[in-house]
Amino acid sequence: MKRAFDLLVSFISLILLSPFFLLLAVLIKLDSPGPVFYRGVRVGRHGKPFRIFKFRSMVREAEKSGVSSTGARDARVTRCGRLIRKYKLDEFSQLINVLLGDMSLVGPRPEVQKFVDMYTGEEKAVLSMRPGITDWASIKFNNEGEIIEDSGIADPDEAYARLIRPEKLRLQLKYLKEHNLWVDLRIIAATLLSIVSTRVGSKRLPTDEKHNNLSANSM
């Protein structure tokens, strides 16, 4: 049922969004040299690596810096890329990965290998299902770049590992135990709402009480 739902929604969405994708591709090419898509390697189901489709929001070959996490004011992000990241437009191209079977609409967000290598035996359970475009953790940490930027930790990857990764994995393991079509529909609706909602006042650390309460009430 989950795979059939993924196929139907991704196929229809790609058709409906194709004019918007074309416009975004033109803006990316006009803004900075480089490809339209960033095709970074992520770890998928059962630990199998795959190349993710993301509309490019950073300068060409930005990954050569060796830093996987990105702060809100990262100099590698292009002008067009800031708009893309603010409204999560780079994630919509992952509908291609969903159609290809690499990903699901909803599921644990795919990580780079360096963070997967940190998984405990229990945390490796998230690799038992296809990674998703969105999940509860994506909604809770929709201001991830700001959390990293405001952390005061010089290394963005260290900030991510210390402030974000533990809670993300807790929410992902919870989803693994409770997921069904109804839960997926709620997550998709909450994701779309978070994108169109005003993002003013979103600079909160994951320990923020109101932020935690909102996440808890969603489950």
N, C-alpha and C. Protein backbone atom coordinates (compact mmCIF):
# COMPACT_ATOMS: atom_id res chain seq x y z
N MET A 1 0.82 -1.21 0.00
CA MET A 1 0.00 0.00 0.00
C MET A 1 0.86 1.27 0.00
N LYS A 2 1.90 1.29 0.84
CA LYS A 2 2.77 2.47 0.94
C LYS A 2 3.47 2.74 -0.39
N ARG A 3 3.99 1.68 -1.03
CA ARG A 3 4.69 1.86 -2.29
C ARG A 3 3.73 2.30 -3.39
N ALA A 4 2.53 1.75 -3.42
CA ALA A 4 1.53 2.14 -4.42
C ALA A 4 1.16 3.62 -4.25
N PHE A 5 1.02 4.04 -3.00
CA PHE A 5 0.70 5.44 -2.71
C PHE A 5 1.85 6.35 -3.17
N ASP A 6 3.08 5.93 -2.89
CA ASP A 6 4.26 6.70 -3.32
C ASP A 6 4.29 6.86 -4.83
N LEU A 7 4.06 5.77 -5.54
CA LEU A 7 4.11 5.80 -7.01
C LEU A 7 3.05 6.73 -7.57
N LEU A 8 1.83 6.61 -7.07
CA LEU A 8 0.72 7.42 -7.58
C LEU A 8 0.96 8.91 -7.33
N VAL A 9 1.29 9.25 -6.10
CA VAL A 9 1.46 10.66 -5.74
C VAL A 9 2.68 11.27 -6.43
N SER A 10 3.79 10.55 -6.48
CA SER A 10 5.00 11.09 -7.11
C SER A 10 4.81 11.29 -8.60
N PHE A 11 4.14 10.35 -9.26
CA PHE A 11 3.92 10.45 -10.71
C PHE A 11 3.03 11.65 -11.03
N ILE A 12 1.92 11.78 -10.33
CA ILE A 12 1.00 12.90 -10.57
C ILE A 12 1.66 14.23 -10.21
N SER A 13 2.38 14.26 -9.10
CA SER A 13 3.02 15.50 -8.65
C SER A 13 4.09 15.97 -9.63
N LEU A 14 4.87 15.03 -10.17
CA LEU A 14 5.91 15.41 -11.13
C LEU A 14 5.31 16.01 -12.40
N ILE A 15 4.18 15.48 -12.82
CA ILE A 15 3.50 16.03 -14.00
C ILE A 15 2.99 17.44 -13.71
N LEU A 16 2.30 17.59 -12.58
CA LEU A 16 1.71 18.88 -12.23
C LEU A 16 2.77 19.95 -11.95
N LEU A 17 3.88 19.54 -11.37
CA LEU A 17 4.92 20.50 -10.98
C LEU A 17 5.96 20.74 -12.06
N SER A 18 5.88 20.05 -13.18
CA SER A 18 6.91 20.16 -14.22
C SER A 18 7.11 21.60 -14.73
N PRO A 19 6.05 22.41 -14.92
CA PRO A 19 6.30 23.81 -15.33
C PRO A 19 7.08 24.59 -14.27
N PHE A 20 6.74 24.37 -13.01
CA PHE A 20 7.45 25.03 -11.92
C PHE A 20 8.90 24.57 -11.86
N PHE A 21 9.13 23.28 -12.05
CA PHE A 21 10.49 22.73 -12.05
C PHE A 21 11.32 23.37 -13.16
N LEU A 22 10.71 23.56 -14.33
CA LEU A 22 11.42 24.17 -15.46
C LEU A 22 11.81 25.60 -15.13
N LEU A 23 10.89 26.35 -14.53
CA LEU A 23 11.18 27.74 -14.15
C LEU A 23 12.30 27.79 -13.11
N LEU A 24 12.25 26.90 -12.14
CA LEU A 24 13.27 26.87 -11.10
C LEU A 24 14.63 26.51 -11.69
N ALA A 25 14.63 25.60 -12.65
CA ALA A 25 15.88 25.20 -13.31
C ALA A 25 16.52 26.39 -14.03
N VAL A 26 15.69 27.19 -14.69
CA VAL A 26 16.20 28.37 -15.40
C VAL A 26 16.80 29.37 -14.41
N LEU A 27 16.11 29.59 -13.28
CA LEU A 27 16.61 30.53 -12.27
C LEU A 27 17.94 30.07 -11.68
N ILE A 28 18.06 28.77 -11.46
CA ILE A 28 19.31 28.23 -10.91
C ILE A 28 20.47 28.45 -11.88
N LYS A 29 20.22 28.18 -13.17
CA LYS A 29 21.26 28.33 -14.18
C LYS A 29 21.66 29.80 -14.36
N LEU A 30 20.68 30.70 -14.26
CA LEU A 30 20.98 32.12 -14.41
C LEU A 30 21.73 32.68 -13.20
N ASP A 31 21.50 32.09 -12.05
CA ASP A 31 22.07 32.61 -10.81
C ASP A 31 23.54 32.26 -10.63
N SER A 32 23.91 31.04 -11.01
CA SER A 32 25.30 30.62 -10.80
C SER A 32 25.64 29.47 -11.73
N PRO A 33 26.92 29.34 -12.10
CA PRO A 33 27.32 28.23 -12.98
C PRO A 33 27.23 26.90 -12.26
N GLY A 34 26.91 25.85 -13.04
CA GLY A 34 26.82 24.53 -12.45
C GLY A 34 25.54 23.82 -12.88
N PRO A 35 25.38 22.57 -12.50
CA PRO A 35 24.20 21.79 -12.88
C PRO A 35 22.95 22.26 -12.15
N VAL A 36 21.79 21.89 -12.66
CA VAL A 36 20.52 22.22 -12.02
C VAL A 36 20.34 21.41 -10.74
N PHE A 37 20.72 20.13 -10.81
CA PHE A 37 20.54 19.24 -9.67
C PHE A 37 21.85 18.97 -8.95
N TYR A 38 21.75 18.88 -7.64
CA TYR A 38 22.84 18.35 -6.82
C TYR A 38 22.55 16.87 -6.64
N ARG A 39 23.52 16.00 -6.95
CA ARG A 39 23.32 14.56 -6.89
C ARG A 39 24.24 13.94 -5.85
N GLY A 40 24.06 14.34 -4.61
CA GLY A 40 24.88 13.81 -3.53
C GLY A 40 24.54 12.37 -3.19
N VAL A 41 25.50 11.66 -2.63
CA VAL A 41 25.29 10.26 -2.24
C VAL A 41 24.70 10.22 -0.84
N ARG A 42 23.62 9.45 -0.68
CA ARG A 42 22.98 9.24 0.60
C ARG A 42 22.86 7.74 0.85
N VAL A 43 22.65 7.38 2.10
CA VAL A 43 22.50 5.97 2.46
C VAL A 43 21.01 5.64 2.49
N GLY A 44 20.63 4.63 1.72
CA GLY A 44 19.23 4.28 1.61
C GLY A 44 18.86 3.02 2.37
N ARG A 45 17.80 2.38 1.92
CA ARG A 45 17.28 1.19 2.58
C ARG A 45 18.33 0.08 2.61
N HIS A 46 18.44 -0.57 3.76
CA HIS A 46 19.41 -1.65 3.98
C HIS A 46 20.85 -1.19 3.79
N GLY A 47 21.09 0.12 3.94
CA GLY A 47 22.44 0.65 3.84
C GLY A 47 22.95 0.83 2.43
N LYS A 48 22.07 0.68 1.45
CA LYS A 48 22.49 0.80 0.05
C LYS A 48 22.60 2.28 -0.35
N PRO A 49 23.75 2.71 -0.87
CA PRO A 49 23.90 4.11 -1.27
C PRO A 49 23.13 4.43 -2.55
N PHE A 50 22.67 5.65 -2.66
CA PHE A 50 21.99 6.11 -3.87
C PHE A 50 22.27 7.60 -4.04
N ARG A 51 22.01 8.10 -5.23
CA ARG A 51 22.22 9.53 -5.49
C ARG A 51 20.89 10.27 -5.42
N ILE A 52 20.84 11.26 -4.57
CA ILE A 52 19.62 12.00 -4.32
C ILE A 52 19.48 13.15 -5.32
N PHE A 53 18.26 13.44 -5.74
CA PHE A 53 17.99 14.60 -6.59
C PHE A 53 17.59 15.78 -5.71
N LYS A 54 18.39 16.85 -5.76
CA LYS A 54 18.03 18.08 -5.05
C LYS A 54 18.33 19.26 -5.97
N PHE A 55 17.38 20.18 -6.08
CA PHE A 55 17.69 21.38 -6.84
C PHE A 55 18.89 22.06 -6.18
N ARG A 56 19.89 22.39 -6.98
CA ARG A 56 21.14 22.91 -6.43
C ARG A 56 20.92 24.28 -5.78
N SER A 57 21.33 24.39 -4.53
CA SER A 57 21.20 25.65 -3.79
C SER A 57 22.56 26.20 -3.36
N MET A 58 23.63 25.49 -3.71
CA MET A 58 24.97 25.92 -3.31
C MET A 58 25.86 26.06 -4.55
N VAL A 59 27.00 26.67 -4.35
CA VAL A 59 27.93 26.82 -5.46
C VAL A 59 28.41 25.44 -5.92
N ARG A 60 28.87 25.38 -7.14
CA ARG A 60 29.34 24.12 -7.70
C ARG A 60 30.48 23.53 -6.87
N GLU A 61 30.42 22.22 -6.65
CA GLU A 61 31.44 21.46 -5.91
C GLU A 61 31.58 21.93 -4.47
N ALA A 62 30.48 22.40 -3.88
CA ALA A 62 30.52 22.86 -2.49
C ALA A 62 30.87 21.74 -1.53
N GLU A 63 30.53 20.50 -1.91
CA GLU A 63 30.77 19.37 -1.01
C GLU A 63 32.25 19.08 -0.82
N LYS A 64 33.11 19.66 -1.68
CA LYS A 64 34.54 19.41 -1.56
C LYS A 64 35.14 20.03 -0.30
N SER A 65 34.36 20.88 0.37
CA SER A 65 34.82 21.46 1.63
C SER A 65 34.86 20.42 2.73
N GLY A 66 34.16 19.28 2.51
CA GLY A 66 34.14 18.21 3.50
C GLY A 66 33.10 18.38 4.58
N VAL A 67 32.33 19.49 4.53
CA VAL A 67 31.29 19.76 5.53
C VAL A 67 29.95 19.36 4.95
N SER A 68 29.21 18.49 5.66
CA SER A 68 27.92 18.01 5.18
C SER A 68 26.76 18.87 5.63
N SER A 69 26.86 19.45 6.83
CA SER A 69 25.78 20.25 7.39
C SER A 69 25.94 21.72 6.98
N THR A 70 24.81 22.42 6.93
CA THR A 70 24.83 23.79 6.43
C THR A 70 24.15 24.74 7.39
N GLY A 71 24.84 25.81 7.76
CA GLY A 71 24.26 26.84 8.59
C GLY A 71 23.41 27.78 7.77
N ALA A 72 22.60 28.60 8.45
CA ALA A 72 21.67 29.49 7.75
C ALA A 72 22.40 30.53 6.90
N ARG A 73 23.60 30.91 7.30
CA ARG A 73 24.34 31.94 6.56
C ARG A 73 25.61 31.37 5.91
N ASP A 74 25.55 30.13 5.53
CA ASP A 74 26.68 29.47 4.88
C ASP A 74 27.02 30.19 3.58
N ALA A 75 28.29 30.55 3.42
CA ALA A 75 28.73 31.31 2.25
C ALA A 75 28.62 30.51 0.96
N ARG A 76 28.49 29.19 1.06
CA ARG A 76 28.39 28.36 -0.13
C ARG A 76 27.01 28.41 -0.78
N VAL A 77 26.02 28.91 -0.05
CA VAL A 77 24.65 28.97 -0.57
C VAL A 77 24.52 30.16 -1.52
N THR A 78 23.94 29.93 -2.70
CA THR A 78 23.77 30.98 -3.70
C THR A 78 22.58 31.88 -3.34
N ARG A 79 22.43 32.97 -4.08
CA ARG A 79 21.29 33.87 -3.85
C ARG A 79 19.97 33.15 -4.10
N CYS A 80 19.89 32.48 -5.22
CA CYS A 80 18.69 31.69 -5.53
C CYS A 80 18.54 30.56 -4.51
N GLY A 81 19.67 30.02 -4.08
CA GLY A 81 19.66 28.91 -3.13
C GLY A 81 19.04 29.27 -1.79
N ARG A 82 19.18 30.53 -1.37
CA ARG A 82 18.59 30.94 -0.10
C ARG A 82 17.07 30.88 -0.16
N LEU A 83 16.52 31.28 -1.29
CA LEU A 83 15.07 31.18 -1.49
C LEU A 83 14.65 29.71 -1.56
N ILE A 84 15.43 28.92 -2.28
CA ILE A 84 15.14 27.50 -2.42
C ILE A 84 15.12 26.82 -1.06
N ARG A 85 16.10 27.14 -0.23
CA ARG A 85 16.19 26.50 1.09
C ARG A 85 15.11 27.00 2.05
N LYS A 86 14.79 28.28 1.97
CA LYS A 86 13.79 28.84 2.87
C LYS A 86 12.46 28.12 2.73
N TYR A 87 12.08 27.84 1.49
CA TYR A 87 10.78 27.20 1.24
C TYR A 87 10.91 25.72 0.89
N LYS A 88 12.09 25.14 1.18
CA LYS A 88 12.31 23.71 0.98
C LYS A 88 12.07 23.26 -0.46
N LEU A 89 12.30 24.13 -1.42
CA LEU A 89 12.04 23.79 -2.81
C LEU A 89 13.01 22.73 -3.33
N ASP A 90 14.19 22.65 -2.72
CA ASP A 90 15.17 21.66 -3.17
C ASP A 90 14.69 20.24 -2.93
N GLU A 91 13.77 20.06 -1.96
CA GLU A 91 13.32 18.72 -1.62
C GLU A 91 12.30 18.17 -2.62
N PHE A 92 11.59 19.05 -3.34
CA PHE A 92 10.54 18.59 -4.24
C PHE A 92 11.08 17.71 -5.37
N SER A 93 12.31 17.96 -5.79
CA SER A 93 12.89 17.15 -6.86
C SER A 93 13.13 15.71 -6.43
N GLN A 94 13.06 15.45 -5.12
CA GLN A 94 13.22 14.08 -4.64
C GLN A 94 12.01 13.20 -4.98
N LEU A 95 10.97 13.82 -5.54
CA LEU A 95 9.86 13.03 -6.09
C LEU A 95 10.38 12.08 -7.17
N ILE A 96 11.46 12.48 -7.83
CA ILE A 96 12.10 11.60 -8.82
C ILE A 96 12.64 10.36 -8.14
N ASN A 97 13.30 10.54 -6.99
CA ASN A 97 13.81 9.40 -6.22
C ASN A 97 12.69 8.49 -5.74
N VAL A 98 11.55 9.10 -5.39
CA VAL A 98 10.39 8.31 -4.95
C VAL A 98 9.89 7.46 -6.10
N LEU A 99 9.77 8.06 -7.27
CA LEU A 99 9.30 7.33 -8.45
C LEU A 99 10.26 6.20 -8.81
N LEU A 100 11.56 6.43 -8.65
CA LEU A 100 12.57 5.42 -8.98
C LEU A 100 12.65 4.31 -7.93
N GLY A 101 12.08 4.54 -6.76
CA GLY A 101 12.10 3.52 -5.71
C GLY A 101 13.22 3.68 -4.70
N ASP A 102 14.01 4.75 -4.82
CA ASP A 102 15.08 5.00 -3.85
C ASP A 102 14.52 5.50 -2.53
N MET A 103 13.41 6.25 -2.62
CA MET A 103 12.86 6.91 -1.45
C MET A 103 11.35 6.72 -1.38
N SER A 104 10.80 7.15 -0.25
CA SER A 104 9.35 7.18 -0.04
C SER A 104 8.96 8.63 0.19
N LEU A 105 7.68 8.94 0.08
CA LEU A 105 7.23 10.29 0.39
C LEU A 105 7.50 10.61 1.86
N VAL A 106 7.21 9.65 2.73
CA VAL A 106 7.41 9.83 4.17
C VAL A 106 8.30 8.72 4.70
N GLY A 107 9.28 9.10 5.48
CA GLY A 107 10.20 8.14 6.07
C GLY A 107 11.40 8.87 6.65
N PRO A 108 12.27 8.18 7.35
CA PRO A 108 13.46 8.82 7.92
C PRO A 108 14.29 9.49 6.83
N ARG A 109 14.70 10.72 7.06
CA ARG A 109 15.50 11.42 6.07
C ARG A 109 16.82 10.70 5.85
N PRO A 110 17.26 10.56 4.58
CA PRO A 110 18.52 9.86 4.31
C PRO A 110 19.72 10.69 4.75
N GLU A 111 20.70 10.01 5.31
CA GLU A 111 21.90 10.67 5.80
C GLU A 111 23.09 10.35 4.91
N VAL A 112 24.15 11.13 5.06
CA VAL A 112 25.42 10.80 4.42
C VAL A 112 26.09 9.71 5.25
N GLN A 113 27.05 9.02 4.66
CA GLN A 113 27.66 7.86 5.30
C GLN A 113 28.30 8.19 6.64
N LYS A 114 28.90 9.37 6.77
CA LYS A 114 29.62 9.71 8.01
C LYS A 114 28.69 9.73 9.22
N PHE A 115 27.42 10.10 9.03
CA PHE A 115 26.48 10.10 10.14
C PHE A 115 25.88 8.72 10.36
N VAL A 116 25.71 7.95 9.30
CA VAL A 116 25.22 6.58 9.44
C VAL A 116 26.24 5.74 10.21
N ASP A 117 27.51 6.03 10.02
CA ASP A 117 28.56 5.30 10.73
C ASP A 117 28.48 5.52 12.24
N MET A 118 27.78 6.56 12.67
CA MET A 118 27.61 6.84 14.10
C MET A 118 26.45 6.07 14.72
N TYR A 119 25.63 5.43 13.90
CA TYR A 119 24.43 4.76 14.42
C TYR A 119 24.79 3.66 15.42
N THR A 120 23.99 3.57 16.46
CA THR A 120 24.08 2.43 17.38
C THR A 120 23.33 1.26 16.76
N GLY A 121 23.41 0.10 17.39
CA GLY A 121 22.68 -1.05 16.88
C GLY A 121 21.19 -0.79 16.78
N GLU A 122 20.63 -0.11 17.77
CA GLU A 122 19.20 0.21 17.76
C GLU A 122 18.87 1.21 16.66
N GLU A 123 19.72 2.21 16.48
CA GLU A 123 19.45 3.26 15.50
C GLU A 123 19.51 2.75 14.07
N LYS A 124 20.25 1.68 13.83
CA LYS A 124 20.35 1.12 12.48
C LYS A 124 19.02 0.61 11.97
N ALA A 125 18.04 0.48 12.86
CA ALA A 125 16.71 0.01 12.45
C ALA A 125 16.07 0.95 11.44
N VAL A 126 16.46 2.24 11.45
CA VAL A 126 15.85 3.19 10.51
C VAL A 126 16.24 2.86 9.06
N LEU A 127 17.27 2.06 8.89
CA LEU A 127 17.69 1.66 7.54
C LEU A 127 16.86 0.52 6.99
N SER A 128 15.90 0.03 7.77
CA SER A 128 15.07 -1.09 7.32
C SER A 128 13.97 -0.64 6.37
N MET A 129 13.76 0.66 6.25
CA MET A 129 12.72 1.15 5.34
C MET A 129 13.29 2.22 4.43
N ARG A 130 12.57 2.50 3.34
CA ARG A 130 13.04 3.53 2.42
C ARG A 130 13.09 4.89 3.12
N PRO A 131 14.14 5.65 2.90
CA PRO A 131 14.18 7.01 3.45
C PRO A 131 13.11 7.87 2.79
N GLY A 132 12.72 8.94 3.46
CA GLY A 132 11.62 9.76 2.95
C GLY A 132 12.01 11.19 2.64
N ILE A 133 11.11 11.87 1.92
CA ILE A 133 11.28 13.29 1.67
C ILE A 133 11.04 14.08 2.95
N THR A 134 10.10 13.59 3.76
CA THR A 134 9.78 14.29 5.00
C THR A 134 9.41 13.29 6.09
N ASP A 135 9.46 13.76 7.33
CA ASP A 135 9.03 12.97 8.49
C ASP A 135 8.80 13.94 9.64
N TRP A 136 8.45 13.42 10.81
CA TRP A 136 8.22 14.31 11.95
C TRP A 136 9.48 15.11 12.29
N ALA A 137 10.64 14.49 12.15
CA ALA A 137 11.90 15.18 12.46
C ALA A 137 12.14 16.35 11.51
N SER A 138 11.78 16.19 10.23
CA SER A 138 11.95 17.27 9.26
C SER A 138 11.10 18.47 9.63
N ILE A 139 9.91 18.20 10.15
CA ILE A 139 9.00 19.28 10.53
C ILE A 139 9.52 19.98 11.78
N LYS A 140 9.94 19.19 12.76
CA LYS A 140 10.43 19.78 14.01
C LYS A 140 11.68 20.62 13.77
N PHE A 141 12.56 20.14 12.89
CA PHE A 141 13.82 20.84 12.64
C PHE A 141 13.79 21.54 11.29
N ASN A 142 12.65 22.17 10.96
CA ASN A 142 12.57 22.89 9.68
C ASN A 142 13.47 24.13 9.67
N ASN A 143 13.97 24.50 10.84
CA ASN A 143 14.93 25.61 10.93
C ASN A 143 16.32 25.08 11.29
N GLU A 144 16.65 23.93 10.76
CA GLU A 144 17.92 23.26 11.09
C GLU A 144 19.12 24.16 10.86
N GLY A 145 19.13 24.87 9.72
CA GLY A 145 20.26 25.73 9.42
C GLY A 145 20.46 26.82 10.46
N GLU A 146 19.35 27.35 10.99
CA GLU A 146 19.44 28.40 11.99
C GLU A 146 19.94 27.85 13.33
N ILE A 147 19.51 26.63 13.66
CA ILE A 147 19.98 25.99 14.89
C ILE A 147 21.49 25.80 14.83
N ILE A 148 21.97 25.33 13.69
CA ILE A 148 23.41 25.12 13.51
C ILE A 148 24.16 26.44 13.57
N GLU A 149 23.62 27.46 12.88
CA GLU A 149 24.28 28.77 12.82
C GLU A 149 24.36 29.42 14.20
N ASP A 150 23.30 29.28 14.99
CA ASP A 150 23.23 29.96 16.29
C ASP A 150 23.80 29.13 17.44
N SER A 151 24.32 27.96 17.14
CA SER A 151 24.79 27.05 18.20
C SER A 151 26.07 27.53 18.86
N GLY A 152 26.86 28.32 18.14
CA GLY A 152 28.15 28.74 18.67
C GLY A 152 29.23 27.69 18.48
N ILE A 153 28.88 26.58 17.84
CA ILE A 153 29.84 25.51 17.57
C ILE A 153 30.46 25.75 16.20
N ALA A 154 31.76 25.82 16.12
CA ALA A 154 32.44 26.19 14.88
C ALA A 154 32.21 25.20 13.75
N ASP A 155 32.20 23.91 14.06
CA ASP A 155 32.04 22.87 13.04
C ASP A 155 30.55 22.57 12.86
N PRO A 156 29.96 22.87 11.68
CA PRO A 156 28.54 22.61 11.45
C PRO A 156 28.16 21.14 11.64
N ASP A 157 29.04 20.22 11.23
CA ASP A 157 28.74 18.80 11.39
C ASP A 157 28.68 18.40 12.86
N GLU A 158 29.56 18.99 13.66
CA GLU A 158 29.54 18.71 15.10
C GLU A 158 28.26 19.27 15.73
N ALA A 159 27.86 20.47 15.30
CA ALA A 159 26.63 21.07 15.82
C ALA A 159 25.43 20.19 15.48
N TYR A 160 25.39 19.69 14.25
CA TYR A 160 24.30 18.81 13.83
C TYR A 160 24.29 17.53 14.67
N ALA A 161 25.46 16.93 14.84
CA ALA A 161 25.56 15.66 15.57
C ALA A 161 25.16 15.82 17.03
N ARG A 162 25.46 16.95 17.62
CA ARG A 162 25.19 17.15 19.05
C ARG A 162 23.78 17.67 19.33
N LEU A 163 23.29 18.61 18.50
CA LEU A 163 22.04 19.29 18.80
C LEU A 163 20.82 18.74 18.08
N ILE A 164 21.03 18.11 16.94
CA ILE A 164 19.89 17.71 16.10
C ILE A 164 19.78 16.20 15.94
N ARG A 165 20.88 15.56 15.63
CA ARG A 165 20.86 14.14 15.29
C ARG A 165 20.18 13.25 16.34
N PRO A 166 20.47 13.38 17.65
CA PRO A 166 19.85 12.47 18.63
C PRO A 166 18.32 12.53 18.63
N GLU A 167 17.76 13.74 18.61
CA GLU A 167 16.30 13.86 18.62
C GLU A 167 15.70 13.41 17.30
N LYS A 168 16.38 13.68 16.19
CA LYS A 168 15.92 13.20 14.89
C LYS A 168 15.76 11.69 14.89
N LEU A 169 16.77 11.02 15.39
CA LEU A 169 16.74 9.56 15.41
C LEU A 169 15.65 9.04 16.35
N ARG A 170 15.43 9.72 17.45
CA ARG A 170 14.36 9.30 18.36
C ARG A 170 13.00 9.36 17.66
N LEU A 171 12.76 10.45 16.94
CA LEU A 171 11.50 10.61 16.21
C LEU A 171 11.40 9.61 15.07
N GLN A 172 12.51 9.32 14.42
CA GLN A 172 12.50 8.37 13.31
C GLN A 172 12.22 6.95 13.80
N LEU A 173 12.79 6.58 14.93
CA LEU A 173 12.53 5.25 15.50
C LEU A 173 11.08 5.14 15.95
N LYS A 174 10.53 6.23 16.46
CA LYS A 174 9.12 6.25 16.85
C LYS A 174 8.23 6.05 15.63
N TYR A 175 8.56 6.75 14.53
CA TYR A 175 7.80 6.59 13.29
C TYR A 175 7.87 5.16 12.78
N LEU A 176 9.03 4.56 12.90
CA LEU A 176 9.23 3.19 12.44
C LEU A 176 8.25 2.22 13.10
N LYS A 177 7.94 2.47 14.36
CA LYS A 177 7.05 1.59 15.11
C LYS A 177 5.58 1.89 14.85
N GLU A 178 5.27 3.13 14.47
CA GLU A 178 3.87 3.55 14.43
C GLU A 178 3.35 3.90 13.04
N HIS A 179 4.18 3.82 12.01
CA HIS A 179 3.77 4.35 10.71
C HIS A 179 2.63 3.56 10.08
N ASN A 180 1.76 4.28 9.42
CA ASN A 180 0.69 3.73 8.59
C ASN A 180 0.26 4.83 7.63
N LEU A 181 -0.68 4.55 6.75
CA LEU A 181 -1.07 5.53 5.74
C LEU A 181 -1.63 6.80 6.37
N TRP A 182 -2.41 6.65 7.44
CA TRP A 182 -2.99 7.82 8.11
C TRP A 182 -1.90 8.71 8.70
N VAL A 183 -0.92 8.10 9.33
CA VAL A 183 0.20 8.87 9.88
C VAL A 183 0.95 9.59 8.75
N ASP A 184 1.17 8.89 7.63
CA ASP A 184 1.86 9.50 6.50
C ASP A 184 1.09 10.72 5.97
N LEU A 185 -0.22 10.61 5.88
CA LEU A 185 -1.03 11.73 5.39
C LEU A 185 -0.94 12.92 6.34
N ARG A 186 -0.92 12.65 7.64
CA ARG A 186 -0.78 13.72 8.63
C ARG A 186 0.58 14.41 8.49
N ILE A 187 1.62 13.62 8.27
CA ILE A 187 2.96 14.20 8.13
C ILE A 187 3.06 15.04 6.87
N ILE A 188 2.49 14.56 5.77
CA ILE A 188 2.51 15.32 4.52
C ILE A 188 1.76 16.64 4.69
N ALA A 189 0.59 16.59 5.33
CA ALA A 189 -0.19 17.81 5.56
C ALA A 189 0.57 18.79 6.46
N ALA A 190 1.19 18.27 7.51
CA ALA A 190 1.95 19.13 8.43
C ALA A 190 3.16 19.74 7.73
N THR A 191 3.78 18.98 6.83
CA THR A 191 4.93 19.48 6.08
C THR A 191 4.54 20.63 5.17
N LEU A 192 3.45 20.44 4.42
CA LEU A 192 2.98 21.50 3.52
C LEU A 192 2.60 22.75 4.30
N LEU A 193 1.98 22.55 5.46
CA LEU A 193 1.60 23.68 6.30
C LEU A 193 2.83 24.43 6.80
N SER A 194 3.87 23.69 7.16
CA SER A 194 5.10 24.33 7.66
C SER A 194 5.80 25.13 6.57
N ILE A 195 5.64 24.70 5.30
CA ILE A 195 6.27 25.40 4.19
C ILE A 195 5.57 26.72 3.90
N VAL A 196 4.23 26.70 3.92
CA VAL A 196 3.47 27.91 3.57
C VAL A 196 3.31 28.85 4.76
N SER A 197 3.56 28.35 5.96
CA SER A 197 3.40 29.19 7.16
C SER A 197 4.51 30.23 7.24
N THR A 198 4.25 31.30 7.94
CA THR A 198 5.27 32.32 8.17
C THR A 198 6.36 31.74 9.03
N ARG A 199 7.63 32.00 8.65
CA ARG A 199 8.75 31.40 9.35
C ARG A 199 9.37 32.37 10.37
N VAL A 200 8.68 33.46 10.64
CA VAL A 200 9.19 34.43 11.62
C VAL A 200 9.21 33.80 13.00
N GLY A 201 10.31 34.02 13.72
CA GLY A 201 10.42 33.50 15.08
C GLY A 201 10.77 32.05 15.14
N SER A 202 11.33 31.48 14.06
CA SER A 202 11.63 30.05 14.05
C SER A 202 12.99 29.72 14.63
N LYS A 203 13.75 30.72 15.06
CA LYS A 203 15.09 30.46 15.57
C LYS A 203 15.02 29.92 16.98
N ARG A 204 14.85 28.62 17.09
CA ARG A 204 14.78 27.98 18.40
C ARG A 204 15.68 26.77 18.41
N LEU A 205 16.31 26.53 19.54
CA LEU A 205 17.07 25.31 19.70
C LEU A 205 16.10 24.18 19.95
N PRO A 206 16.48 22.92 19.69
CA PRO A 206 15.56 21.80 19.84
C PRO A 206 15.08 21.61 21.26
N THR A 207 15.71 22.25 22.24
CA THR A 207 15.26 22.11 23.61
C THR A 207 14.16 23.11 23.96
N ASP A 208 13.82 23.99 23.01
CA ASP A 208 12.77 24.97 23.25
C ASP A 208 11.47 24.29 23.63
N GLU A 209 10.87 24.71 24.74
CA GLU A 209 9.70 24.02 25.29
C GLU A 209 8.52 24.05 24.33
N LYS A 210 8.24 25.20 23.73
CA LYS A 210 7.11 25.30 22.83
C LYS A 210 7.31 24.42 21.62
N HIS A 211 8.55 24.39 21.10
CA HIS A 211 8.86 23.57 19.93
C HIS A 211 8.62 22.10 20.23
N ASN A 212 9.07 21.65 21.39
CA ASN A 212 8.88 20.26 21.78
C ASN A 212 7.41 19.92 21.97
N ASN A 213 6.63 20.86 22.53
CA ASN A 213 5.22 20.61 22.74
C ASN A 213 4.47 20.48 21.44
N LEU A 214 4.83 21.31 20.45
CA LEU A 214 4.19 21.22 19.15
C LEU A 214 4.45 19.88 18.51
N SER A 215 5.70 19.41 18.61
CA SER A 215 6.04 18.12 18.03
C SER A 215 5.29 17.00 18.73
N ALA A 216 5.21 17.06 20.05
CA ALA A 216 4.54 16.01 20.81
C ALA A 216 3.06 15.96 20.49
N ASN A 217 2.44 17.14 20.29
CA ASN A 217 1.01 17.17 20.00
C ASN A 217 0.69 16.65 18.62
N SER A 218 1.71 16.57 17.75
CA SER A 218 1.48 16.09 16.38
C SER A 218 1.45 14.58 16.31
N MET A 219 1.81 13.90 17.39
CA MET A 219 1.97 12.46 17.33
C MET A 219 0.85 11.74 18.06
